[in-house]
Amino acid sequence: MALFDNPVIPGFSPDPSICRVGDDYYVATSSFEYVPGVPLWHSRDLVNWRLIGHALDRPGQLELPESVPASCGVYAPTLRHHDGLFWMITTVVGDAGTVLVTAKDPAGPWSDPVPVGIPGIDPDLAWDEDGTCWCVYSDDGIRAVRIDPETGRALGEPVALWSGTGLQYPEGPHLYRIGDWWYLLLSEGGTERGHAMSVARARSLPGPFEPHPDNPVLSHRSTGHPVQNIGHGDLVQAQDDSWWMVLLGTRPRGDTPKYHGLGRETFLAPVRWEDGWPLPGPVELRAEAPALSPHPWPEETERDDFDSPALAPRWVSPRRHDPAAVRLDERPGHLVLHARADSLDAPGALVVGRRQQDPDCTARTRIDVAPGGLGGLVVRLDEAHHYRVETDGAGTVHVVARIGPLCHSVAERTVEPGPLTLRIDVTTDVTLPPSVTDPQAAARPGLRIGGPDTLHLGYETDGGDFEILAALDGRYLTTEVAGGFTGRVVGMYATRGSAAFDWFGLRPA
């Protein structure tokens, strides 16, 4: 029996939507304030996934203004294949509203967005027997309206389908025609620990919908299961006629209430059918794999030397593309960043980073700061929650912690001027009190770590030794403390002048 490990797409990759075309599977996930928007993943065995691009990957499709707060922007997408085209619909909260794009190839190019005149969030697409396209969405319950997908125009008045079992926030709907039934799958209870999934069915649209008698059909609420917050799932039928679900979940750690820093990740779960109902689960960290031929992809390099003319799809930035500020052609073999704001607290700050995908990991970068400049290495949840190690290139290194309204330089060291290797280690097995720069302080009464991990920030000497300047509790870079819907991004930045980065590496420890 072959096994696989969950999550199948680790790191901040929530709200997965899946479609199958022949032997190929494609998943779209939420991106919120980060661009490019809507990551697209490809698999041939449902277990091994590779990032192939983004559905909203150019300024004409997505450019978020600085007024869009953290955890707004691109909410839950739906990805479907119909009449030879891939269709992706999503809601850009705080900006464009609901938009629809199409492509012949999911790797792109994707069309310019077509506005869809509906309220709410979490839109879904389904086509009935006569070819009519229904757009299903969450807006004070689950509603549906017939639309012209070419123009986005509504072809009638919205109708209420179902509002779930009475839990708060019925959302994330997906509508399917399977056999003689229409099935409506939704999530409710909120995307935190009370998250749950329920299902209803109807013989025709728009209903009435009959709920499953034992809803919710999937939840880990009020359990000690290592996977929590599960929900927002989407169904797919494999080539062997087995059924599967991709869904979001978290891997919280630490003392109660437990904390997750990586964000909501994409998990895979089997689906069985009983009495004409789809019943998903269980959702386990290790489980029996689908009976499909294994198809692993070549592993991505952990290090980027910035020798290519463009950044790989895994690199993201908050809110907008800025070719003038992110340069690969200015200094050969370097990524040069030009500051857009004088603080990472500002919505316009320039960060170029990658999602943290492993609970234990090491991030390193070689930085050369221009005279008068300032730049560094950061682990970022949002503008108000990040830890960073930075240098001015003139011989000063700082570690700065931004936790809500507090921003404090917790450590400083004088080094030789010039290029420097900055480093952050994230560890889950080191016991240190919150926010200390002296490991001996751990012996003080009443101080103990309760968060999910510890972040060690510092620099490397010319001999390769890691000089740790501060060890900080990771709980303050989690949704349980900061709120929001994203996860950690580890990256490079400049907040004054410019900084050139020779390479960047992010690897599991």
Protein backbone atom coordinates (compact mmCIF):
# COMPACT_ATOMS: atom_id res chain seq x y z
CA MET A 1 0.00 0.00 0.00
CA ALA A 2 1.51 3.30 -1.11
CA LEU A 3 1.25 6.21 1.32
CA PHE A 4 1.41 9.96 0.86
CA ASP A 5 2.07 12.88 3.19
CA ASN A 6 -0.31 15.77 3.78
CA PRO A 7 -0.42 18.62 3.11
CA VAL A 8 0.07 17.96 -0.59
CA ILE A 9 0.66 21.69 -1.17
CA PRO A 10 2.41 22.97 1.98
CA GLY A 11 2.59 26.58 3.04
CA PHE A 12 0.05 29.36 2.56
CA SER A 13 -2.24 27.82 -0.12
CA PRO A 14 -5.86 27.99 1.07
CA ASP A 15 -9.25 27.52 -0.58
CA PRO A 16 -8.14 24.97 -3.19
CA SER A 17 -10.32 24.38 -6.23
CA ILE A 18 -9.61 21.43 -8.53
CA CYS A 19 -10.46 20.22 -12.01
CA ARG A 20 -9.32 17.23 -14.04
CA VAL A 21 -8.65 17.11 -17.77
CA GLY A 22 -7.75 13.61 -18.92
CA ASP A 23 -4.86 12.41 -16.78
CA ASP A 24 -3.99 15.89 -15.54
CA TYR A 25 -5.21 17.66 -12.42
CA TYR A 26 -5.08 21.39 -11.79
CA VAL A 27 -5.60 23.33 -8.56
CA ALA A 28 -6.09 27.06 -7.98
CA THR A 29 -5.60 28.62 -4.54
CA SER A 30 -6.16 32.00 -2.89
CA SER A 31 -3.45 34.66 -2.84
CA PHE A 32 -5.06 37.60 -0.97
CA GLU A 33 -2.81 40.71 -1.07
CA TYR A 34 0.07 38.99 -2.85
CA VAL A 35 0.87 39.22 -6.56
CA PRO A 36 0.95 37.41 -8.89
CA GLY A 37 -2.56 36.29 -8.00
CA VAL A 38 -4.20 32.85 -7.94
CA PRO A 39 -1.39 30.25 -7.96
CA LEU A 40 -2.01 27.35 -10.34
CA TRP A 41 -0.73 23.86 -9.58
CA HIS A 42 -0.44 20.74 -11.77
CA SER A 43 -0.41 17.06 -10.81
CA ARG A 44 -0.82 13.68 -12.48
CA ASP A 45 -1.28 11.61 -9.33
CA LEU A 46 -3.09 14.01 -6.91
CA VAL A 47 -0.11 13.79 -4.54
CA ASN A 48 2.83 15.49 -6.29
CA TRP A 49 2.13 19.07 -7.33
CA ARG A 50 4.18 21.69 -9.14
CA LEU A 51 3.50 25.41 -9.49
CA ILE A 52 2.99 26.24 -13.18
CA GLY A 53 2.02 29.90 -12.95
CA HIS A 54 -0.74 32.27 -11.90
CA ALA A 55 -4.09 33.16 -13.41
CA LEU A 56 -3.65 36.88 -12.60
CA ASP A 57 -0.01 37.50 -13.43
CA ARG A 58 0.24 40.92 -15.05
CA PRO A 59 -0.63 44.48 -14.05
CA GLY A 60 -3.58 44.70 -16.43
CA GLN A 61 -5.21 41.79 -14.62
CA LEU A 62 -4.33 42.56 -11.00
CA GLU A 63 -2.76 45.59 -9.37
CA LEU A 64 -3.92 46.15 -5.81
CA PRO A 65 -3.87 49.70 -4.44
CA GLU A 66 -2.17 50.37 -1.12
CA SER A 67 -5.61 50.94 0.40
CA VAL A 68 -6.32 47.19 0.16
CA PRO A 69 -5.60 45.84 3.67
CA ALA A 70 -3.65 42.70 4.45
CA SER A 71 -5.77 39.55 3.95
CA CYS A 72 -7.98 41.31 1.43
CA GLY A 73 -7.42 41.08 -2.31
CA VAL A 74 -7.88 37.78 -4.11
CA TYR A 75 -10.28 35.49 -2.25
CA ALA A 76 -11.26 31.89 -2.95
CA PRO A 77 -11.14 31.03 -6.67
CA THR A 78 -12.96 28.30 -8.56
CA LEU A 79 -11.20 26.52 -11.43
CA ARG A 80 -13.21 24.62 -14.04
CA HIS A 81 -12.74 23.17 -17.55
CA HIS A 82 -15.65 23.51 -19.97
CA ASP A 83 -15.94 23.54 -23.77
CA GLY A 84 -12.18 23.34 -24.26
CA LEU A 85 -11.39 26.27 -21.97
CA PHE A 86 -10.18 26.69 -18.42
CA TRP A 87 -12.34 29.09 -16.44
CA MET A 88 -11.23 30.80 -13.24
CA ILE A 89 -13.56 33.00 -11.22
CA THR A 90 -12.65 34.83 -8.03
CA THR A 91 -13.45 37.91 -5.97
CA VAL A 92 -10.88 40.68 -5.55
CA VAL A 93 -12.03 42.05 -2.20
CA GLY A 94 -11.45 45.77 -1.76
CA ASP A 95 -10.85 46.40 -5.45
CA ALA A 96 -12.31 44.85 -8.63
CA GLY A 97 -15.00 42.61 -7.13
CA THR A 98 -15.82 39.31 -8.84
CA VAL A 99 -13.93 38.66 -12.09
CA LEU A 100 -13.66 35.80 -14.58
CA VAL A 101 -10.69 34.85 -16.77
CA THR A 102 -10.16 32.05 -19.31
CA ALA A 103 -7.25 30.20 -20.91
CA LYS A 104 -6.67 27.33 -23.31
CA ASP A 105 -3.62 26.29 -21.27
CA PRO A 106 -3.67 26.65 -17.47
CA ALA A 107 -0.02 27.72 -17.60
CA GLY A 108 -1.26 30.78 -19.52
CA PRO A 109 -1.71 33.17 -21.02
CA TRP A 110 -4.98 34.02 -19.29
CA SER A 111 -7.46 36.54 -20.65
CA ASP A 112 -8.10 39.99 -19.30
CA PRO A 113 -10.61 39.89 -16.44
CA VAL A 114 -14.32 40.07 -17.21
CA PRO A 115 -16.28 41.74 -14.38
CA VAL A 116 -19.17 39.63 -13.08
CA GLY A 117 -22.00 41.67 -11.62
CA ILE A 118 -22.66 39.79 -8.40
CA PRO A 119 -22.11 40.67 -4.74
CA GLY A 120 -20.55 38.44 -2.12
CA ILE A 121 -17.47 36.20 -2.20
CA ASP A 122 -16.33 32.67 -3.09
CA PRO A 123 -17.91 32.40 -6.56
CA ASP A 124 -18.35 29.02 -8.26
CA LEU A 125 -19.27 28.03 -11.82
CA ALA A 126 -21.46 25.14 -13.00
CA TRP A 127 -23.12 24.39 -16.34
CA ASP A 128 -26.48 22.62 -16.55
CA GLU A 129 -27.72 20.17 -19.20
CA ASP A 130 -28.76 22.87 -21.67
CA GLY A 131 -25.44 24.73 -21.37
CA THR A 132 -26.63 27.47 -19.04
CA CYS A 133 -23.87 28.76 -16.76
CA TRP A 134 -24.74 29.21 -13.10
CA CYS A 135 -22.66 31.38 -10.81
CA VAL A 136 -23.00 30.30 -7.18
CA TYR A 137 -21.66 32.52 -4.40
CA SER A 138 -21.81 33.34 -0.70
CA ASP A 139 -23.88 36.37 0.27
CA ASP A 140 -25.98 35.95 3.42
CA GLY A 141 -26.30 32.28 2.56
CA ILE A 142 -25.57 30.54 -0.71
CA ARG A 143 -27.13 32.10 -3.79
CA ALA A 144 -27.04 31.40 -7.52
CA VAL A 145 -27.69 33.35 -10.68
CA ARG A 146 -27.57 32.43 -14.36
CA ILE A 147 -24.85 34.41 -16.17
CA ASP A 148 -23.41 34.90 -19.62
CA PRO A 149 -19.81 33.86 -18.91
CA GLU A 150 -18.55 35.72 -22.00
CA THR A 151 -19.74 39.09 -20.70
CA GLY A 152 -20.28 38.47 -16.98
CA ARG A 153 -23.85 39.76 -17.29
CA ALA A 154 -26.53 38.26 -15.04
CA LEU A 155 -29.40 36.63 -16.96
CA GLY A 156 -31.93 36.79 -14.16
CA GLU A 157 -32.40 37.50 -10.50
CA PRO A 158 -30.33 35.64 -7.88
CA VAL A 159 -32.06 32.80 -6.05
CA ALA A 160 -31.32 31.40 -2.61
CA LEU A 161 -30.12 27.78 -2.69
CA TRP A 162 -29.30 26.82 0.90
CA SER A 163 -27.80 28.40 4.01
CA GLY A 164 -26.26 25.35 5.63
CA THR A 165 -27.07 23.97 9.06
CA GLY A 166 -27.28 27.28 10.88
CA LEU A 167 -23.59 27.73 11.69
CA GLN A 168 -22.07 31.13 10.96
CA TYR A 169 -20.47 32.05 7.64
CA PRO A 170 -21.88 29.58 5.09
CA GLU A 171 -19.36 30.02 2.28
CA GLY A 172 -17.05 28.30 -0.20
CA PRO A 173 -19.88 26.75 -2.24
CA HIS A 174 -19.29 24.26 -5.03
CA LEU A 175 -22.15 22.95 -7.18
CA TYR A 176 -21.91 19.66 -9.10
CA ARG A 177 -24.14 17.66 -11.41
CA ILE A 178 -23.42 13.99 -10.53
CA GLY A 179 -25.81 11.35 -11.81
CA ASP A 180 -29.41 12.44 -11.32
CA TRP A 181 -28.62 14.94 -8.56
CA TRP A 182 -27.26 18.42 -8.10
CA TYR A 183 -24.96 18.47 -5.07
CA LEU A 184 -24.13 21.65 -3.17
CA LEU A 185 -21.05 21.48 -0.98
CA LEU A 186 -20.30 24.33 1.41
CA SER A 187 -18.22 25.27 4.42
CA GLU A 188 -19.57 26.89 7.57
CA GLY A 189 -18.58 27.80 11.09
CA GLY A 190 -15.76 30.12 10.00
CA THR A 191 -12.31 29.12 8.79
CA GLU A 192 -10.96 28.76 12.33
CA ARG A 193 -11.19 25.74 14.66
CA GLY A 194 -14.96 25.42 14.23
CA HIS A 195 -14.69 24.95 10.46
CA ALA A 196 -16.98 22.27 9.01
CA MET A 197 -18.31 21.04 5.68
CA SER A 198 -21.92 20.22 4.87
CA VAL A 199 -23.71 18.96 1.78
CA ALA A 200 -27.20 19.13 0.29
CA ARG A 201 -28.75 17.87 -2.94
CA ALA A 202 -31.60 18.63 -5.33
CA ARG A 203 -33.10 17.02 -8.41
CA SER A 204 -33.04 20.27 -10.36
CA LEU A 205 -31.97 23.89 -10.07
CA PRO A 206 -32.67 26.01 -8.15
CA GLY A 207 -33.91 23.36 -5.74
CA PRO A 208 -35.29 22.82 -3.14
CA PHE A 209 -32.10 21.35 -1.64
CA GLU A 210 -32.30 18.46 0.79
CA PRO A 211 -29.53 18.49 3.45
CA HIS A 212 -27.64 15.37 4.46
CA PRO A 213 -29.25 14.08 7.69
CA ASP A 214 -25.91 13.98 9.53
CA ASN A 215 -24.41 17.32 8.52
CA PRO A 216 -21.71 18.45 8.91
CA VAL A 217 -20.13 15.60 6.98
CA LEU A 218 -16.55 16.68 7.82
CA SER A 219 -15.02 18.61 10.73
CA HIS A 220 -12.20 18.35 13.27
CA ARG A 221 -13.74 20.89 15.64
CA SER A 222 -13.26 20.23 19.38
CA THR A 223 -10.80 17.39 18.70
CA GLY A 224 -7.11 16.95 19.38
CA HIS A 225 -6.40 16.02 15.77
CA PRO A 226 -3.08 17.39 14.45
CA VAL A 227 -4.88 18.79 11.39
CA GLN A 228 -7.35 21.56 12.22
CA ASN A 229 -9.55 24.20 10.54
CA ILE A 230 -10.44 21.75 7.76
CA GLY A 231 -12.93 22.84 5.14
CA HIS A 232 -13.44 24.73 1.89
CA GLY A 233 -13.14 21.53 -0.15
CA ASP A 234 -13.68 20.71 -3.81
CA LEU A 235 -14.46 17.29 -5.33
CA VAL A 236 -12.78 15.50 -8.22
CA GLN A 237 -13.27 12.07 -9.81
CA ALA A 238 -10.05 10.25 -10.71
CA GLN A 239 -9.43 8.14 -13.82
CA ASP A 240 -10.14 4.96 -11.81
CA ASP A 241 -13.55 6.36 -10.77
CA SER A 242 -12.41 6.96 -7.19
CA TRP A 243 -13.41 10.28 -5.66
CA TRP A 244 -11.17 12.74 -3.82
CA MET A 245 -11.33 16.12 -2.20
CA VAL A 246 -8.79 18.91 -1.93
CA LEU A 247 -9.42 21.13 1.08
CA LEU A 248 -7.69 23.54 3.38
CA GLY A 249 -6.33 22.72 6.82
CA THR A 250 -3.72 23.86 9.32
CA ARG A 251 -1.02 22.21 11.42
CA PRO A 252 -1.13 24.11 14.74
CA ARG A 253 1.57 23.65 17.37
CA GLY A 254 2.44 24.91 20.84
CA ASP A 255 0.36 25.48 23.94
CA THR A 256 -3.37 26.16 23.81
CA PRO A 257 -4.93 27.56 21.71
CA LYS A 258 -2.07 26.27 19.52
CA TYR A 259 -0.74 28.35 16.66
CA HIS A 260 -0.07 27.95 12.95
CA GLY A 261 2.39 30.16 11.12
CA LEU A 262 2.48 28.53 7.69
CA GLY A 263 -1.12 29.46 7.00
CA ARG A 264 -3.92 27.30 5.70
CA GLU A 265 -2.49 24.59 3.46
CA THR A 266 -3.92 22.26 0.80
CA PHE A 267 -4.74 18.72 1.95
CA LEU A 268 -6.02 15.67 0.06
CA ALA A 269 -8.71 13.33 1.41
CA PRO A 270 -10.61 10.34 0.02
CA VAL A 271 -14.35 10.55 -0.60
CA ARG A 272 -16.71 7.59 -0.27
CA TRP A 273 -20.31 7.42 -1.45
CA GLU A 274 -23.07 6.15 0.84
CA ASP A 275 -26.77 6.15 -0.08
CA GLY A 276 -26.13 8.66 -2.84
CA TRP A 277 -24.14 11.08 -0.68
CA PRO A 278 -20.44 12.07 -0.93
CA LEU A 279 -18.73 11.67 2.45
CA PRO A 280 -15.18 13.07 2.61
CA GLY A 281 -12.45 12.00 4.99
CA PRO A 282 -10.53 11.13 6.94
CA VAL A 283 -7.96 13.94 6.67
CA GLU A 284 -4.66 12.57 7.96
CA LEU A 285 -1.02 13.66 7.87
CA ARG A 286 -0.15 10.29 6.30
CA ALA A 287 -2.70 8.27 4.35
CA GLU A 288 -3.19 5.72 1.60
CA ALA A 289 -2.38 7.25 -1.77
CA PRO A 290 -4.69 7.23 -4.78
CA ALA A 291 -4.27 4.14 -6.96
CA LEU A 292 -2.68 6.19 -9.73
CA SER A 293 0.77 5.86 -11.26
CA PRO A 294 3.13 7.97 -9.13
CA HIS A 295 4.34 11.04 -10.97
CA PRO A 296 6.88 13.05 -8.97
CA TRP A 297 8.22 16.25 -10.49
CA PRO A 298 11.86 17.39 -10.48
CA GLU A 299 12.52 19.13 -7.18
CA GLU A 300 12.80 22.89 -7.24
CA THR A 301 16.15 24.28 -6.23
CA GLU A 302 16.25 25.65 -2.71
CA ARG A 303 18.54 28.49 -3.79
CA ASP A 304 18.05 31.17 -6.43
CA ASP A 305 21.20 32.82 -7.83
CA PHE A 306 19.22 35.36 -9.88
CA ASP A 307 20.89 34.42 -13.16
CA SER A 308 17.63 34.25 -15.15
CA PRO A 309 15.96 37.21 -16.88
CA ALA A 310 12.77 36.75 -14.82
CA LEU A 311 11.84 35.55 -11.36
CA ALA A 312 10.35 32.08 -11.02
CA PRO A 313 6.58 31.84 -10.31
CA ARG A 314 7.16 31.05 -6.63
CA TRP A 315 8.29 34.63 -5.89
CA VAL A 316 5.55 36.97 -4.64
CA SER A 317 5.21 40.56 -3.42
CA PRO A 318 2.48 42.45 -1.58
CA ARG A 319 -0.08 44.27 -3.74
CA ARG A 320 1.60 45.20 -6.99
CA HIS A 321 4.14 44.43 -9.66
CA ASP A 322 6.90 47.04 -9.87
CA PRO A 323 9.45 46.34 -12.62
CA ALA A 324 11.21 49.63 -11.90
CA ALA A 325 11.86 48.62 -8.28
CA VAL A 326 12.62 44.91 -8.81
CA ARG A 327 15.56 44.58 -11.21
CA LEU A 328 17.39 41.56 -12.55
CA ASP A 329 19.16 43.52 -15.29
CA GLU A 330 20.86 46.18 -13.19
CA ARG A 331 23.70 44.10 -11.76
CA PRO A 332 24.52 40.72 -13.36
CA GLY A 333 23.71 37.76 -11.14
CA HIS A 334 21.90 39.90 -8.57
CA LEU A 335 18.38 40.90 -7.66
CA VAL A 336 18.40 44.65 -7.01
CA LEU A 337 15.56 46.11 -4.96
CA HIS A 338 14.82 49.83 -4.83
CA ALA A 339 12.90 50.99 -1.76
CA ARG A 340 9.30 52.14 -2.27
CA ALA A 341 8.64 52.99 1.38
CA ASP A 342 10.85 53.75 4.37
CA SER A 343 9.33 51.04 6.58
CA LEU A 344 7.97 47.50 6.26
CA ASP A 345 5.01 48.79 8.28
CA ALA A 346 3.81 50.69 5.19
CA PRO A 347 1.41 49.01 2.71
CA GLY A 348 3.65 50.17 -0.15
CA ALA A 349 6.79 48.52 1.22
CA LEU A 350 8.73 46.35 -1.22
CA VAL A 351 9.19 42.70 -0.23
CA VAL A 352 10.08 39.88 -2.63
CA GLY A 353 9.62 36.52 -0.96
CA ARG A 354 8.57 32.90 -0.94
CA ARG A 355 6.06 31.06 1.18
CA GLN A 356 7.40 29.25 4.23
CA GLN A 357 6.48 25.62 3.50
CA ASP A 358 8.38 23.70 6.20
CA PRO A 359 7.89 24.10 9.97
CA ASP A 360 11.68 23.84 10.46
CA CYS A 361 13.67 25.77 7.88
CA THR A 362 16.63 28.05 7.21
CA ALA A 363 16.57 31.23 5.12
CA ARG A 364 19.82 32.86 3.97
CA THR A 365 20.70 35.66 1.61
CA ARG A 366 23.82 37.57 0.57
CA ILE A 367 23.13 41.30 0.59
CA ASP A 368 25.15 44.28 -0.62
CA VAL A 369 23.54 47.58 0.38
CA ALA A 370 24.22 50.73 -1.62
CA PRO A 371 25.66 53.70 0.33
CA GLY A 372 22.91 55.25 2.41
CA GLY A 373 20.63 52.28 1.87
CA LEU A 374 18.94 49.78 4.19
CA GLY A 375 17.72 46.28 3.43
CA GLY A 376 17.44 42.83 4.87
CA LEU A 377 15.74 39.49 5.36
CA VAL A 378 12.22 39.23 6.81
CA VAL A 379 9.67 36.67 7.93
CA ARG A 380 6.38 38.43 7.22
CA LEU A 381 2.78 37.74 8.12
CA ASP A 382 1.60 41.28 7.39
CA GLU A 383 2.66 44.91 7.85
CA ALA A 384 2.07 44.75 11.60
CA HIS A 385 3.54 41.31 12.28
CA HIS A 386 7.04 40.49 11.09
CA TYR A 387 10.58 39.80 12.29
CA ARG A 388 13.53 41.08 10.31
CA VAL A 389 17.32 41.27 10.32
CA GLU A 390 18.71 44.21 8.38
CA THR A 391 21.93 46.01 7.56
CA ASP A 392 22.94 49.41 6.26
CA GLY A 393 26.04 48.00 4.57
CA ALA A 394 28.22 50.35 6.61
CA GLY A 395 28.82 47.97 9.51
CA THR A 396 25.56 47.88 11.49
CA VAL A 397 23.16 44.93 11.80
CA HIS A 398 19.80 45.19 13.56
CA VAL A 399 17.11 42.68 14.50
CA VAL A 400 13.68 44.32 14.56
CA ALA A 401 10.42 42.83 15.85
CA ARG A 402 7.09 44.32 14.76
CA ILE A 403 4.19 42.93 16.83
CA GLY A 404 0.94 44.82 16.42
CA PRO A 405 1.42 48.42 17.58
CA LEU A 406 4.91 47.70 18.94
CA CYS A 407 8.06 47.97 16.83
CA HIS A 408 11.37 47.48 18.62
CA SER A 409 15.01 46.94 17.72
CA VAL A 410 15.82 43.96 19.93
CA ALA A 411 19.49 43.53 18.99
CA GLU A 412 22.35 45.38 17.30
CA ARG A 413 25.84 44.35 16.25
CA THR A 414 28.76 46.11 14.56
CA VAL A 415 30.35 44.16 11.70
CA GLU A 416 32.79 44.83 8.89
CA PRO A 417 31.27 47.07 6.21
CA GLY A 418 30.35 45.48 2.90
CA PRO A 419 28.38 42.46 1.67
CA LEU A 420 26.94 40.25 4.40
CA THR A 421 25.09 36.93 4.64
CA LEU A 422 21.90 37.33 6.69
CA ARG A 423 20.18 34.29 8.14
CA ILE A 424 16.97 33.25 9.90
CA ASP A 425 16.46 29.75 11.33
CA VAL A 426 12.96 28.57 12.25
CA THR A 427 12.95 25.67 14.71
CA THR A 428 10.16 23.79 16.46
CA ASP A 429 12.28 21.96 19.05
CA VAL A 430 14.09 24.77 20.87
CA THR A 431 12.70 25.93 24.21
CA LEU A 432 13.19 29.66 24.67
CA PRO A 433 11.04 32.34 26.29
CA PRO A 434 9.31 34.90 24.11
CA SER A 435 11.44 37.64 22.56
CA VAL A 436 14.80 37.20 24.26
CA THR A 437 18.28 37.97 23.02
CA ASP A 438 20.06 36.03 25.77
CA PRO A 439 19.41 32.27 25.74
CA GLN A 440 20.34 32.14 29.43
CA ALA A 441 17.20 34.13 30.17
CA ALA A 442 15.25 30.93 29.62
CA ALA A 443 16.13 29.97 33.18
CA ARG A 444 14.19 32.86 34.66
CA PRO A 445 11.08 31.71 36.59
CA GLY A 446 7.79 32.05 34.75
CA LEU A 447 9.30 32.30 31.29
CA ARG A 448 8.66 29.50 28.83
CA ILE A 449 7.81 29.23 25.20
CA GLY A 450 4.26 28.36 24.25
CA GLY A 451 4.26 29.22 20.60
CA PRO A 452 4.69 26.96 17.59
CA ASP A 453 8.36 27.68 16.94
CA THR A 454 11.34 29.93 17.59
CA LEU A 455 12.90 32.25 15.03
CA HIS A 456 16.67 32.80 15.33
CA LEU A 457 17.84 35.92 13.51
CA GLY A 458 21.40 36.98 12.77
CA TYR A 459 24.21 36.82 10.24
CA GLU A 460 27.02 34.52 9.17
CA THR A 461 30.70 35.23 9.70
CA ASP A 462 33.21 34.85 6.89
CA GLY A 463 33.94 31.41 8.34
CA GLY A 464 30.29 30.38 8.02
CA ASP A 465 29.41 30.49 11.73
CA PHE A 466 25.88 31.64 12.56
CA GLU A 467 25.93 34.64 14.90
CA ILE A 468 22.48 34.64 16.50
CA LEU A 469 21.45 38.12 17.61
CA ALA A 470 17.93 37.28 18.82
CA ALA A 471 15.60 34.33 19.33
CA LEU A 472 11.93 35.29 19.05
CA ASP A 473 8.71 33.40 19.78
CA GLY A 474 6.90 32.51 16.58
CA ARG A 475 3.37 32.82 18.01
CA TYR A 476 3.31 36.52 17.12
CA LEU A 477 3.59 35.62 13.43
CA THR A 478 0.48 33.44 13.41
CA THR A 479 -3.17 33.94 12.56
CA GLU A 480 -4.18 33.13 16.14
CA VAL A 481 -2.41 36.32 17.27
CA ALA A 482 -2.42 38.54 14.19
CA GLY A 483 -5.72 37.54 12.61
CA GLY A 484 -6.14 37.41 8.85
CA PHE A 485 -6.15 34.59 6.32
CA THR A 486 -2.59 34.30 5.00
CA GLY A 487 0.63 32.65 6.16
CA ARG A 488 4.28 33.50 6.49
CA VAL A 489 6.33 34.75 3.57
CA VAL A 490 10.14 34.80 3.86
CA GLY A 491 11.88 37.32 1.71
CA MET A 492 14.19 40.20 0.89
CA TYR A 493 13.44 43.90 1.14
CA ALA A 494 14.81 47.40 0.84
CA THR A 495 13.44 50.29 2.88
CA ARG A 496 16.03 52.94 2.03
CA GLY A 497 17.93 53.39 -1.20
CA SER A 498 18.73 50.10 -2.87
CA ALA A 499 20.11 46.69 -1.98
CA ALA A 500 21.57 44.00 -4.25
CA PHE A 501 21.02 40.35 -3.38
CA ASP A 502 23.53 37.86 -4.80
CA TRP A 503 21.45 34.81 -3.88
CA PHE A 504 18.62 33.64 -1.65
CA GLY A 505 18.09 30.19 -0.19
CA LEU A 506 15.17 28.69 1.73
CA ARG A 507 15.50 25.04 2.71
CA PRO A 508 13.98 22.65 5.22
CA ALA A 509 16.13 22.16 8.30
